[in-house]
Amino acid sequence: MHFAPDTIESLEFAVILGNTHELASRSGHDQLATRDELHAIIMQFRFSGRIDRNDKELSEVRQVRERIRGVWKLTRDDAALEVNAMLAEANALPFLDRHDGIDWHLHANSPDAPLAERIQTEIGLALVDVVRSDAMWRLRRCEAPDCEGLMADLSRNGSRRFCGIRCGNRMNQIAYRERQATEEQN
């Protein structure tokens, strides 16, 4: 599946943001509990514009995180409705921009808009491409039974099963032990 680079980056950000939730994080704890944790994620993805680094901003981004996690459970039609609502609520007005050494890409909010609004819009615009491409099946949850991790399977054949190497290795190890136990019984 081929998406524009800014779509891919926004989907990757959505997964990382969604996986900060305690049900999906490696530690089992909320990894978006502090302003510093939020700032670290934002800096990883070169968000430009206004960043307040206050409790209100953290709370708003956490609300967006919950909304994004919910999109991963939706059908294509329901996702389209949710994306429309997300973009409308964020006052999105798409425009092309080139800044900070990044070639032409899509924005839809003023750099002065609240961070949560810009995050919701950036992810919403990426989800527009997913819905239009009929690729909602690429937005999945980890197949490990004890993990609620999100993944955006952007691989060529769309065959990813786990949110990360950790879950994949763990599930492979469990399967190996089960095979060994079966062989020993026979």
N, C-alpha and C. Protein backbone atom coordinates (compact mmCIF):
# COMPACT_ATOMS: atom_id res chain seq x y z
N MET A 1 0.86 -1.17 0.00
CA MET A 1 0.00 0.00 0.00
C MET A 1 0.90 1.23 0.00
N HIS A 2 0.63 2.12 -0.88
CA HIS A 2 1.45 3.33 -0.99
C HIS A 2 0.65 4.54 -0.53
N PHE A 3 1.14 5.19 0.53
CA PHE A 3 0.56 6.42 1.02
C PHE A 3 1.62 7.51 0.92
N ALA A 4 1.18 8.75 0.92
CA ALA A 4 2.11 9.89 0.93
C ALA A 4 2.93 9.84 2.22
N PRO A 5 4.16 10.36 2.18
CA PRO A 5 5.01 10.32 3.37
C PRO A 5 4.38 10.95 4.61
N ASP A 6 3.64 12.06 4.45
CA ASP A 6 3.04 12.67 5.65
C ASP A 6 1.90 11.82 6.19
N THR A 7 1.23 11.06 5.33
CA THR A 7 0.19 10.14 5.80
C THR A 7 0.83 9.03 6.61
N ILE A 8 1.90 8.46 6.10
CA ILE A 8 2.61 7.39 6.81
C ILE A 8 3.08 7.88 8.17
N GLU A 9 3.68 9.07 8.19
CA GLU A 9 4.18 9.60 9.46
C GLU A 9 3.05 9.84 10.45
N SER A 10 1.91 10.32 9.98
CA SER A 10 0.77 10.56 10.87
C SER A 10 0.19 9.25 11.39
N LEU A 11 0.15 8.22 10.55
CA LEU A 11 -0.34 6.92 11.01
C LEU A 11 0.62 6.32 12.03
N GLU A 12 1.92 6.45 11.79
CA GLU A 12 2.90 5.97 12.76
C GLU A 12 2.77 6.72 14.08
N PHE A 13 2.54 8.03 13.99
CA PHE A 13 2.34 8.81 15.21
C PHE A 13 1.07 8.36 15.94
N ALA A 14 0.00 8.11 15.19
CA ALA A 14 -1.26 7.66 15.80
C ALA A 14 -1.05 6.36 16.57
N VAL A 15 -0.28 5.45 16.00
CA VAL A 15 0.00 4.17 16.67
C VAL A 15 0.81 4.41 17.94
N ILE A 16 1.84 5.23 17.85
CA ILE A 16 2.66 5.49 19.03
C ILE A 16 1.84 6.19 20.11
N LEU A 17 1.05 7.17 19.72
CA LEU A 17 0.19 7.86 20.68
C LEU A 17 -0.81 6.88 21.29
N GLY A 18 -1.48 6.08 20.47
CA GLY A 18 -2.45 5.11 20.97
C GLY A 18 -1.83 4.08 21.88
N ASN A 19 -0.60 3.71 21.61
CA ASN A 19 0.07 2.68 22.40
C ASN A 19 0.72 3.22 23.67
N THR A 20 0.52 4.50 23.98
CA THR A 20 0.94 5.00 25.28
C THR A 20 -0.09 4.64 26.36
N HIS A 21 -1.26 4.17 25.93
CA HIS A 21 -2.32 3.78 26.86
C HIS A 21 -1.84 2.60 27.70
N GLU A 22 -2.26 2.54 28.95
CA GLU A 22 -1.81 1.49 29.85
C GLU A 22 -2.14 0.09 29.35
N LEU A 23 -3.20 -0.08 28.58
CA LEU A 23 -3.56 -1.39 28.04
C LEU A 23 -2.64 -1.83 26.91
N ALA A 24 -1.88 -0.90 26.36
CA ALA A 24 -1.03 -1.22 25.22
C ALA A 24 0.45 -0.97 25.47
N SER A 25 0.78 -0.27 26.53
CA SER A 25 2.18 0.10 26.75
C SER A 25 2.99 -1.09 27.24
N ARG A 26 4.26 -1.06 26.96
CA ARG A 26 5.16 -2.13 27.37
C ARG A 26 5.22 -2.27 28.88
N SER A 27 5.12 -1.15 29.58
CA SER A 27 5.25 -1.16 31.03
C SER A 27 3.95 -1.52 31.74
N GLY A 28 2.82 -1.45 31.02
CA GLY A 28 1.53 -1.68 31.65
C GLY A 28 1.02 -0.44 32.37
N HIS A 29 1.75 0.65 32.24
CA HIS A 29 1.37 1.93 32.84
C HIS A 29 1.12 2.95 31.74
N ASP A 30 0.33 3.95 32.05
CA ASP A 30 0.07 5.03 31.10
C ASP A 30 1.39 5.75 30.82
N GLN A 31 1.78 5.79 29.57
CA GLN A 31 3.03 6.44 29.20
C GLN A 31 2.79 7.85 28.66
N LEU A 32 1.61 8.38 28.95
CA LEU A 32 1.28 9.76 28.61
C LEU A 32 0.68 10.40 29.87
N ALA A 33 1.37 10.20 30.97
CA ALA A 33 0.87 10.66 32.26
C ALA A 33 1.41 12.04 32.63
N THR A 34 2.49 12.46 31.98
CA THR A 34 3.10 13.73 32.35
C THR A 34 3.30 14.61 31.13
N ARG A 35 3.49 15.89 31.38
CA ARG A 35 3.78 16.84 30.30
C ARG A 35 5.09 16.49 29.61
N ASP A 36 6.07 16.02 30.38
CA ASP A 36 7.36 15.65 29.80
C ASP A 36 7.23 14.46 28.86
N GLU A 37 6.38 13.49 29.22
CA GLU A 37 6.18 12.34 28.34
C GLU A 37 5.51 12.78 27.04
N LEU A 38 4.55 13.67 27.14
CA LEU A 38 3.91 14.22 25.94
C LEU A 38 4.93 14.96 25.09
N HIS A 39 5.73 15.80 25.72
CA HIS A 39 6.72 16.58 24.98
C HIS A 39 7.71 15.67 24.24
N ALA A 40 8.12 14.58 24.88
CA ALA A 40 9.06 13.65 24.26
C ALA A 40 8.47 13.03 22.99
N ILE A 41 7.20 12.67 23.04
CA ILE A 41 6.54 12.10 21.86
C ILE A 41 6.41 13.14 20.75
N ILE A 42 6.03 14.34 21.13
CA ILE A 42 5.84 15.42 20.15
C ILE A 42 7.17 15.74 19.46
N MET A 43 8.24 15.78 20.21
CA MET A 43 9.55 16.10 19.64
C MET A 43 10.04 14.99 18.71
N GLN A 44 9.65 13.77 18.99
CA GLN A 44 10.02 12.64 18.15
C GLN A 44 9.44 12.81 16.73
N PHE A 45 8.29 13.45 16.63
CA PHE A 45 7.60 13.58 15.35
C PHE A 45 7.62 15.00 14.80
N ARG A 46 8.50 15.81 15.28
CA ARG A 46 8.73 17.16 14.74
C ARG A 46 7.45 17.98 14.57
N PHE A 47 6.58 17.96 15.57
CA PHE A 47 5.40 18.82 15.50
C PHE A 47 5.85 20.26 15.56
N SER A 48 5.38 21.05 14.63
CA SER A 48 5.71 22.47 14.62
C SER A 48 4.54 23.24 15.24
N GLY A 49 4.75 24.49 15.49
CA GLY A 49 3.68 25.34 16.01
C GLY A 49 3.64 25.36 17.53
N ARG A 50 2.55 25.84 18.02
CA ARG A 50 2.33 26.09 19.45
C ARG A 50 2.37 24.81 20.28
N ILE A 51 3.16 24.82 21.32
CA ILE A 51 3.20 23.75 22.31
C ILE A 51 3.24 24.42 23.67
N ASP A 52 2.16 24.26 24.44
CA ASP A 52 2.02 24.97 25.72
C ASP A 52 2.70 24.27 26.89
N ARG A 53 2.82 22.96 26.84
CA ARG A 53 3.42 22.16 27.92
C ARG A 53 2.72 22.40 29.26
N ASN A 54 1.40 22.42 29.25
CA ASN A 54 0.66 22.58 30.51
C ASN A 54 -0.31 21.40 30.68
N ASP A 55 -0.97 21.37 31.85
CA ASP A 55 -1.86 20.25 32.16
C ASP A 55 -3.09 20.21 31.24
N LYS A 56 -3.58 21.35 30.83
CA LYS A 56 -4.74 21.40 29.93
C LYS A 56 -4.38 20.73 28.61
N GLU A 57 -3.23 21.06 28.06
CA GLU A 57 -2.80 20.48 26.80
C GLU A 57 -2.65 18.96 26.94
N LEU A 58 -2.05 18.51 28.03
CA LEU A 58 -1.89 17.07 28.28
C LEU A 58 -3.25 16.38 28.32
N SER A 59 -4.19 16.95 29.03
CA SER A 59 -5.53 16.38 29.14
C SER A 59 -6.22 16.31 27.77
N GLU A 60 -6.09 17.35 26.98
CA GLU A 60 -6.71 17.38 25.65
C GLU A 60 -6.08 16.33 24.73
N VAL A 61 -4.78 16.17 24.79
CA VAL A 61 -4.11 15.17 23.94
C VAL A 61 -4.51 13.77 24.39
N ARG A 62 -4.65 13.56 25.68
CA ARG A 62 -5.10 12.25 26.18
C ARG A 62 -6.50 11.93 25.67
N GLN A 63 -7.36 12.93 25.57
CA GLN A 63 -8.71 12.72 25.02
C GLN A 63 -8.64 12.34 23.54
N VAL A 64 -7.75 13.00 22.81
CA VAL A 64 -7.56 12.65 21.39
C VAL A 64 -7.06 11.21 21.29
N ARG A 65 -6.16 10.83 22.18
CA ARG A 65 -5.63 9.46 22.18
C ARG A 65 -6.77 8.45 22.30
N GLU A 66 -7.70 8.70 23.20
CA GLU A 66 -8.82 7.77 23.37
C GLU A 66 -9.67 7.70 22.10
N ARG A 67 -9.86 8.83 21.50
CA ARG A 67 -10.65 8.88 20.26
C ARG A 67 -9.96 8.10 19.15
N ILE A 68 -8.67 8.28 19.02
CA ILE A 68 -7.90 7.58 17.99
C ILE A 68 -7.93 6.07 18.24
N ARG A 69 -7.77 5.65 19.49
CA ARG A 69 -7.83 4.21 19.80
C ARG A 69 -9.18 3.64 19.38
N GLY A 70 -10.23 4.44 19.51
CA GLY A 70 -11.55 3.98 19.11
C GLY A 70 -11.70 3.78 17.61
N VAL A 71 -11.00 4.58 16.83
CA VAL A 71 -11.09 4.46 15.36
C VAL A 71 -10.61 3.08 14.91
N TRP A 72 -9.64 2.52 15.60
CA TRP A 72 -9.09 1.21 15.21
C TRP A 72 -10.14 0.11 15.33
N LYS A 73 -11.24 0.35 16.01
CA LYS A 73 -12.29 -0.65 16.17
C LYS A 73 -13.42 -0.49 15.15
N LEU A 74 -13.38 0.56 14.35
CA LEU A 74 -14.51 0.91 13.50
C LEU A 74 -14.44 0.26 12.12
N THR A 75 -15.60 0.11 11.53
CA THR A 75 -15.69 -0.30 10.13
C THR A 75 -15.32 0.90 9.27
N ARG A 76 -15.15 0.67 8.01
CA ARG A 76 -14.79 1.76 7.09
C ARG A 76 -15.83 2.87 7.11
N ASP A 77 -17.10 2.51 7.01
CA ASP A 77 -18.16 3.53 6.98
C ASP A 77 -18.22 4.32 8.29
N ASP A 78 -18.13 3.61 9.41
CA ASP A 78 -18.15 4.31 10.70
C ASP A 78 -16.90 5.17 10.87
N ALA A 79 -15.77 4.69 10.37
CA ALA A 79 -14.53 5.47 10.44
C ALA A 79 -14.67 6.76 9.64
N ALA A 80 -15.31 6.67 8.48
CA ALA A 80 -15.51 7.87 7.65
C ALA A 80 -16.32 8.91 8.41
N LEU A 81 -17.36 8.48 9.08
CA LEU A 81 -18.18 9.41 9.87
C LEU A 81 -17.37 10.02 11.02
N GLU A 82 -16.58 9.19 11.68
CA GLU A 82 -15.77 9.67 12.81
C GLU A 82 -14.70 10.66 12.33
N VAL A 83 -14.06 10.35 11.21
CA VAL A 83 -13.04 11.24 10.67
C VAL A 83 -13.66 12.58 10.29
N ASN A 84 -14.82 12.56 9.67
CA ASN A 84 -15.51 13.81 9.34
C ASN A 84 -15.77 14.63 10.60
N ALA A 85 -16.22 13.97 11.66
CA ALA A 85 -16.48 14.67 12.91
C ALA A 85 -15.19 15.23 13.52
N MET A 86 -14.13 14.44 13.47
CA MET A 86 -12.84 14.87 14.00
C MET A 86 -12.36 16.14 13.29
N LEU A 87 -12.43 16.12 11.97
CA LEU A 87 -11.94 17.26 11.19
C LEU A 87 -12.82 18.49 11.41
N ALA A 88 -14.13 18.30 11.50
CA ALA A 88 -15.04 19.43 11.72
C ALA A 88 -14.80 20.05 13.10
N GLU A 89 -14.68 19.21 14.11
CA GLU A 89 -14.45 19.71 15.48
C GLU A 89 -13.12 20.44 15.60
N ALA A 90 -12.15 20.04 14.81
CA ALA A 90 -10.82 20.66 14.87
C ALA A 90 -10.71 21.86 13.93
N ASN A 91 -11.83 22.26 13.34
CA ASN A 91 -11.85 23.41 12.43
C ASN A 91 -10.82 23.28 11.32
N ALA A 92 -10.75 22.10 10.75
CA ALA A 92 -9.74 21.81 9.73
C ALA A 92 -10.07 22.51 8.41
N LEU A 93 -9.07 23.16 7.85
CA LEU A 93 -9.15 23.79 6.54
C LEU A 93 -7.84 23.46 5.83
N PRO A 94 -7.79 22.37 5.05
CA PRO A 94 -6.54 21.87 4.49
C PRO A 94 -5.80 22.87 3.60
N PHE A 95 -4.48 22.87 3.73
CA PHE A 95 -3.61 23.66 2.87
C PHE A 95 -2.24 22.99 2.80
N LEU A 96 -1.54 23.21 1.70
CA LEU A 96 -0.19 22.70 1.54
C LEU A 96 0.80 23.67 2.15
N ASP A 97 1.84 23.12 2.78
CA ASP A 97 2.85 23.96 3.41
C ASP A 97 4.20 23.29 3.26
N ARG A 98 5.25 24.10 3.27
CA ARG A 98 6.62 23.62 3.22
C ARG A 98 7.40 24.42 4.24
N HIS A 99 8.00 23.73 5.21
CA HIS A 99 8.72 24.43 6.28
C HIS A 99 9.73 23.50 6.94
N ASP A 100 10.66 24.07 7.65
CA ASP A 100 11.65 23.33 8.43
C ASP A 100 12.34 22.21 7.65
N GLY A 101 12.58 22.43 6.37
CA GLY A 101 13.27 21.44 5.55
C GLY A 101 12.39 20.28 5.11
N ILE A 102 11.11 20.37 5.36
CA ILE A 102 10.17 19.32 4.96
C ILE A 102 9.46 19.80 3.69
N ASP A 103 9.45 18.95 2.66
CA ASP A 103 8.84 19.33 1.39
C ASP A 103 7.33 19.51 1.56
N TRP A 104 6.63 19.86 0.49
CA TRP A 104 5.21 20.13 0.52
C TRP A 104 4.45 19.00 1.21
N HIS A 105 3.63 19.38 2.16
CA HIS A 105 2.80 18.43 2.88
C HIS A 105 1.53 19.14 3.34
N LEU A 106 0.61 18.37 3.82
CA LEU A 106 -0.71 18.88 4.16
C LEU A 106 -0.80 19.28 5.62
N HIS A 107 -1.35 20.46 5.87
CA HIS A 107 -1.74 20.91 7.20
C HIS A 107 -3.19 21.36 7.09
N ALA A 108 -3.82 21.57 8.22
CA ALA A 108 -5.20 22.03 8.16
C ALA A 108 -5.57 22.94 9.32
N ASN A 109 -4.58 23.30 10.12
CA ASN A 109 -4.80 24.21 11.24
C ASN A 109 -3.68 25.23 11.27
N SER A 110 -3.98 26.35 11.87
CA SER A 110 -2.96 27.36 12.10
C SER A 110 -1.91 26.80 13.07
N PRO A 111 -0.65 27.19 12.93
CA PRO A 111 0.36 26.77 13.90
C PRO A 111 0.04 27.23 15.33
N ASP A 112 -0.84 28.21 15.46
CA ASP A 112 -1.22 28.70 16.78
C ASP A 112 -2.38 27.92 17.39
N ALA A 113 -2.97 26.99 16.65
CA ALA A 113 -4.08 26.18 17.17
C ALA A 113 -3.55 25.29 18.30
N PRO A 114 -4.41 24.92 19.24
CA PRO A 114 -3.97 24.02 20.32
C PRO A 114 -3.39 22.72 19.77
N LEU A 115 -2.41 22.18 20.47
CA LEU A 115 -1.72 20.97 20.03
C LEU A 115 -2.69 19.82 19.80
N ALA A 116 -3.62 19.58 20.71
CA ALA A 116 -4.56 18.46 20.56
C ALA A 116 -5.38 18.62 19.28
N GLU A 117 -5.76 19.82 18.95
CA GLU A 117 -6.53 20.09 17.74
C GLU A 117 -5.69 19.76 16.51
N ARG A 118 -4.42 20.14 16.53
CA ARG A 118 -3.54 19.86 15.40
C ARG A 118 -3.26 18.37 15.28
N ILE A 119 -3.10 17.69 16.41
CA ILE A 119 -2.88 16.24 16.38
C ILE A 119 -4.11 15.55 15.81
N GLN A 120 -5.29 15.92 16.29
CA GLN A 120 -6.52 15.32 15.80
C GLN A 120 -6.67 15.52 14.30
N THR A 121 -6.31 16.69 13.84
CA THR A 121 -6.41 16.99 12.41
C THR A 121 -5.40 16.20 11.60
N GLU A 122 -4.14 16.18 12.04
CA GLU A 122 -3.10 15.45 11.30
C GLU A 122 -3.46 13.98 11.16
N ILE A 123 -3.90 13.38 12.24
CA ILE A 123 -4.28 11.97 12.19
C ILE A 123 -5.56 11.80 11.37
N GLY A 124 -6.49 12.73 11.52
CA GLY A 124 -7.72 12.68 10.73
C GLY A 124 -7.45 12.72 9.24
N LEU A 125 -6.54 13.60 8.83
CA LEU A 125 -6.19 13.68 7.40
C LEU A 125 -5.56 12.38 6.91
N ALA A 126 -4.73 11.76 7.74
CA ALA A 126 -4.14 10.47 7.36
C ALA A 126 -5.23 9.41 7.24
N LEU A 127 -6.19 9.44 8.15
CA LEU A 127 -7.27 8.46 8.11
C LEU A 127 -8.16 8.66 6.88
N VAL A 128 -8.24 9.89 6.38
CA VAL A 128 -8.97 10.14 5.13
C VAL A 128 -8.38 9.27 4.03
N ASP A 129 -7.05 9.24 3.93
CA ASP A 129 -6.40 8.42 2.90
C ASP A 129 -6.67 6.94 3.11
N VAL A 130 -6.67 6.50 4.36
CA VAL A 130 -6.92 5.09 4.66
C VAL A 130 -8.34 4.71 4.23
N VAL A 131 -9.31 5.54 4.60
CA VAL A 131 -10.71 5.27 4.23
C VAL A 131 -10.88 5.30 2.72
N ARG A 132 -10.35 6.33 2.07
CA ARG A 132 -10.50 6.46 0.60
C ARG A 132 -9.85 5.30 -0.14
N SER A 133 -8.78 4.75 0.43
CA SER A 133 -8.07 3.64 -0.20
C SER A 133 -8.67 2.28 0.16
N ASP A 134 -9.75 2.29 0.92
CA ASP A 134 -10.38 1.07 1.41
C ASP A 134 -9.35 0.18 2.11
N ALA A 135 -8.58 0.79 2.99
CA ALA A 135 -7.49 0.09 3.66
C ALA A 135 -7.66 0.06 5.18
N MET A 136 -8.88 0.15 5.67
CA MET A 136 -9.10 0.10 7.13
C MET A 136 -8.56 -1.20 7.72
N TRP A 137 -8.52 -2.25 6.92
CA TRP A 137 -8.03 -3.54 7.40
C TRP A 137 -6.56 -3.46 7.82
N ARG A 138 -5.86 -2.42 7.39
CA ARG A 138 -4.46 -2.24 7.78
C ARG A 138 -4.32 -1.64 9.17
N LEU A 139 -5.41 -1.11 9.72
CA LEU A 139 -5.41 -0.58 11.08
C LEU A 139 -5.97 -1.67 11.99
N ARG A 140 -5.08 -2.34 12.68
CA ARG A 140 -5.48 -3.49 13.48
C ARG A 140 -4.93 -3.41 14.89
N ARG A 141 -5.45 -4.29 15.71
CA ARG A 141 -4.93 -4.48 17.05
C ARG A 141 -4.00 -5.69 17.03
N CYS A 142 -3.07 -5.68 17.95
CA CYS A 142 -2.12 -6.78 18.09
C CYS A 142 -2.87 -8.09 18.30
N GLU A 143 -2.38 -9.18 17.70
CA GLU A 143 -3.01 -10.48 17.85
C GLU A 143 -2.60 -11.21 19.11
N ALA A 144 -1.64 -10.67 19.87
CA ALA A 144 -1.30 -11.29 21.15
C ALA A 144 -2.50 -11.17 22.07
N PRO A 145 -2.94 -12.26 22.67
CA PRO A 145 -4.18 -12.23 23.44
C PRO A 145 -4.14 -11.29 24.66
N ASP A 146 -2.98 -10.98 25.15
CA ASP A 146 -2.88 -10.13 26.34
C ASP A 146 -2.42 -8.71 26.01
N CYS A 147 -2.56 -8.30 24.74
CA CYS A 147 -2.09 -6.98 24.32
C CYS A 147 -3.21 -6.22 23.62
N GLU A 148 -3.31 -4.95 23.91
CA GLU A 148 -4.29 -4.06 23.27
C GLU A 148 -3.59 -3.07 22.34
N GLY A 149 -2.37 -3.42 21.93
CA GLY A 149 -1.58 -2.51 21.09
C GLY A 149 -2.19 -2.30 19.71
N LEU A 150 -2.04 -1.07 19.23
CA LEU A 150 -2.49 -0.73 17.88
C LEU A 150 -1.35 -0.94 16.91
N MET A 151 -1.71 -1.16 15.65
CA MET A 151 -0.70 -1.17 14.61
C MET A 151 -1.31 -0.69 13.31
N ALA A 152 -0.50 -0.05 12.53
CA ALA A 152 -0.86 0.34 11.17
C ALA A 152 0.06 -0.48 10.28
N ASP A 153 -0.49 -1.52 9.70
CA ASP A 153 0.32 -2.43 8.88
C ASP A 153 0.54 -1.80 7.52
N LEU A 154 1.69 -1.19 7.35
CA LEU A 154 2.04 -0.53 6.10
C LEU A 154 2.98 -1.38 5.25
N SER A 155 3.11 -2.65 5.63
CA SER A 155 3.96 -3.55 4.85
C SER A 155 3.32 -3.83 3.49
N ARG A 156 4.13 -4.26 2.58
CA ARG A 156 3.65 -4.50 1.21
C ARG A 156 2.51 -5.53 1.19
N ASN A 157 2.68 -6.63 1.89
CA ASN A 157 1.66 -7.70 1.83
C ASN A 157 0.63 -7.63 2.96
N GLY A 158 0.78 -6.70 3.87
CA GLY A 158 -0.21 -6.52 4.93
C GLY A 158 -0.35 -7.72 5.85
N SER A 159 0.76 -8.36 6.18
CA SER A 159 0.69 -9.60 6.95
C SER A 159 1.15 -9.47 8.41
N ARG A 160 1.40 -8.26 8.88
CA ARG A 160 1.81 -8.10 10.28
C ARG A 160 0.74 -8.62 11.21
N ARG A 161 1.16 -9.25 12.29
CA ARG A 161 0.20 -9.80 13.25
C ARG A 161 0.34 -9.16 14.62
N PHE A 162 1.51 -8.62 14.91
CA PHE A 162 1.78 -8.13 16.26
C PHE A 162 2.20 -6.66 16.23
N CYS A 163 1.95 -5.98 17.33
CA CYS A 163 2.23 -4.54 17.39
C CYS A 163 3.72 -4.24 17.38
N GLY A 164 4.53 -5.21 17.77
CA GLY A 164 5.96 -4.98 17.79
C GLY A 164 6.73 -6.28 17.95
N ILE A 165 8.03 -6.16 17.93
CA ILE A 165 8.91 -7.32 18.03
C ILE A 165 8.70 -8.04 19.35
N ARG A 166 8.49 -7.27 20.42
CA ARG A 166 8.31 -7.86 21.75
C ARG A 166 7.15 -8.86 21.76
N CYS A 167 5.98 -8.44 21.25
CA CYS A 167 4.82 -9.33 21.23
C CYS A 167 5.05 -10.49 20.27
N GLY A 168 5.64 -10.22 19.11
CA GLY A 168 5.91 -11.28 18.15
C GLY A 168 6.83 -12.34 18.73
N ASN A 169 7.92 -11.92 19.36
CA ASN A 169 8.86 -12.87 19.96
C ASN A 169 8.20 -13.66 21.09
N ARG A 170 7.42 -12.96 21.90
CA ARG A 170 6.76 -13.62 23.03
C ARG A 170 5.78 -14.69 22.53
N MET A 171 4.99 -14.36 21.51
CA MET A 171 4.02 -15.32 20.98
C MET A 171 4.71 -16.48 20.27
N ASN A 172 5.82 -16.20 19.58
CA ASN A 172 6.59 -17.28 18.95
C ASN A 172 7.18 -18.21 20.00
N GLN A 173 7.63 -17.65 21.11
CA GLN A 173 8.19 -18.46 22.19
C GLN A 173 7.11 -19.35 22.81
N ILE A 174 5.91 -18.80 23.00
CA ILE A 174 4.79 -19.59 23.54
C ILE A 174 4.45 -20.73 22.58
N ALA A 175 4.38 -20.43 21.29
CA ALA A 175 4.06 -21.47 20.29
C ALA A 175 5.14 -22.55 20.28
N TYR A 176 6.40 -22.15 20.38
CA TYR A 176 7.50 -23.11 20.40
C TYR A 176 7.38 -24.04 21.61
N ARG A 177 7.11 -23.46 22.78
CA ARG A 177 6.97 -24.28 24.00
C ARG A 177 5.80 -25.24 23.88
N GLU A 178 4.70 -24.78 23.27
CA GLU A 178 3.55 -25.66 23.08
C GLU A 178 3.89 -26.81 22.14
N ARG A 179 4.65 -26.53 21.08
CA ARG A 179 5.06 -27.60 20.16
C ARG A 179 5.98 -28.59 20.87
N GLN A 180 6.90 -28.06 21.68
CA GLN A 180 7.82 -28.94 22.41
C GLN A 180 7.06 -29.84 23.38
N ALA A 181 6.08 -29.28 24.07
CA ALA A 181 5.29 -30.07 25.02
C ALA A 181 4.50 -31.15 24.30
N THR A 182 3.97 -30.84 23.11
CA THR A 182 3.21 -31.80 22.33
C THR A 182 4.11 -32.92 21.85
N GLU A 183 5.32 -32.58 21.40
CA GLU A 183 6.27 -33.58 20.93
C GLU A 183 6.69 -34.50 22.06
N GLU A 184 6.86 -33.96 23.25
CA GLU A 184 7.27 -34.76 24.41
C GLU A 184 6.18 -35.73 24.82
N GLN A 185 4.91 -35.34 24.62
CA GLN A 185 3.79 -36.21 24.99
C GLN A 185 3.64 -37.36 24.00
N ASN A 186 4.07 -37.15 22.78
CA ASN A 186 3.92 -38.20 21.76
C ASN A 186 5.04 -39.15 21.81
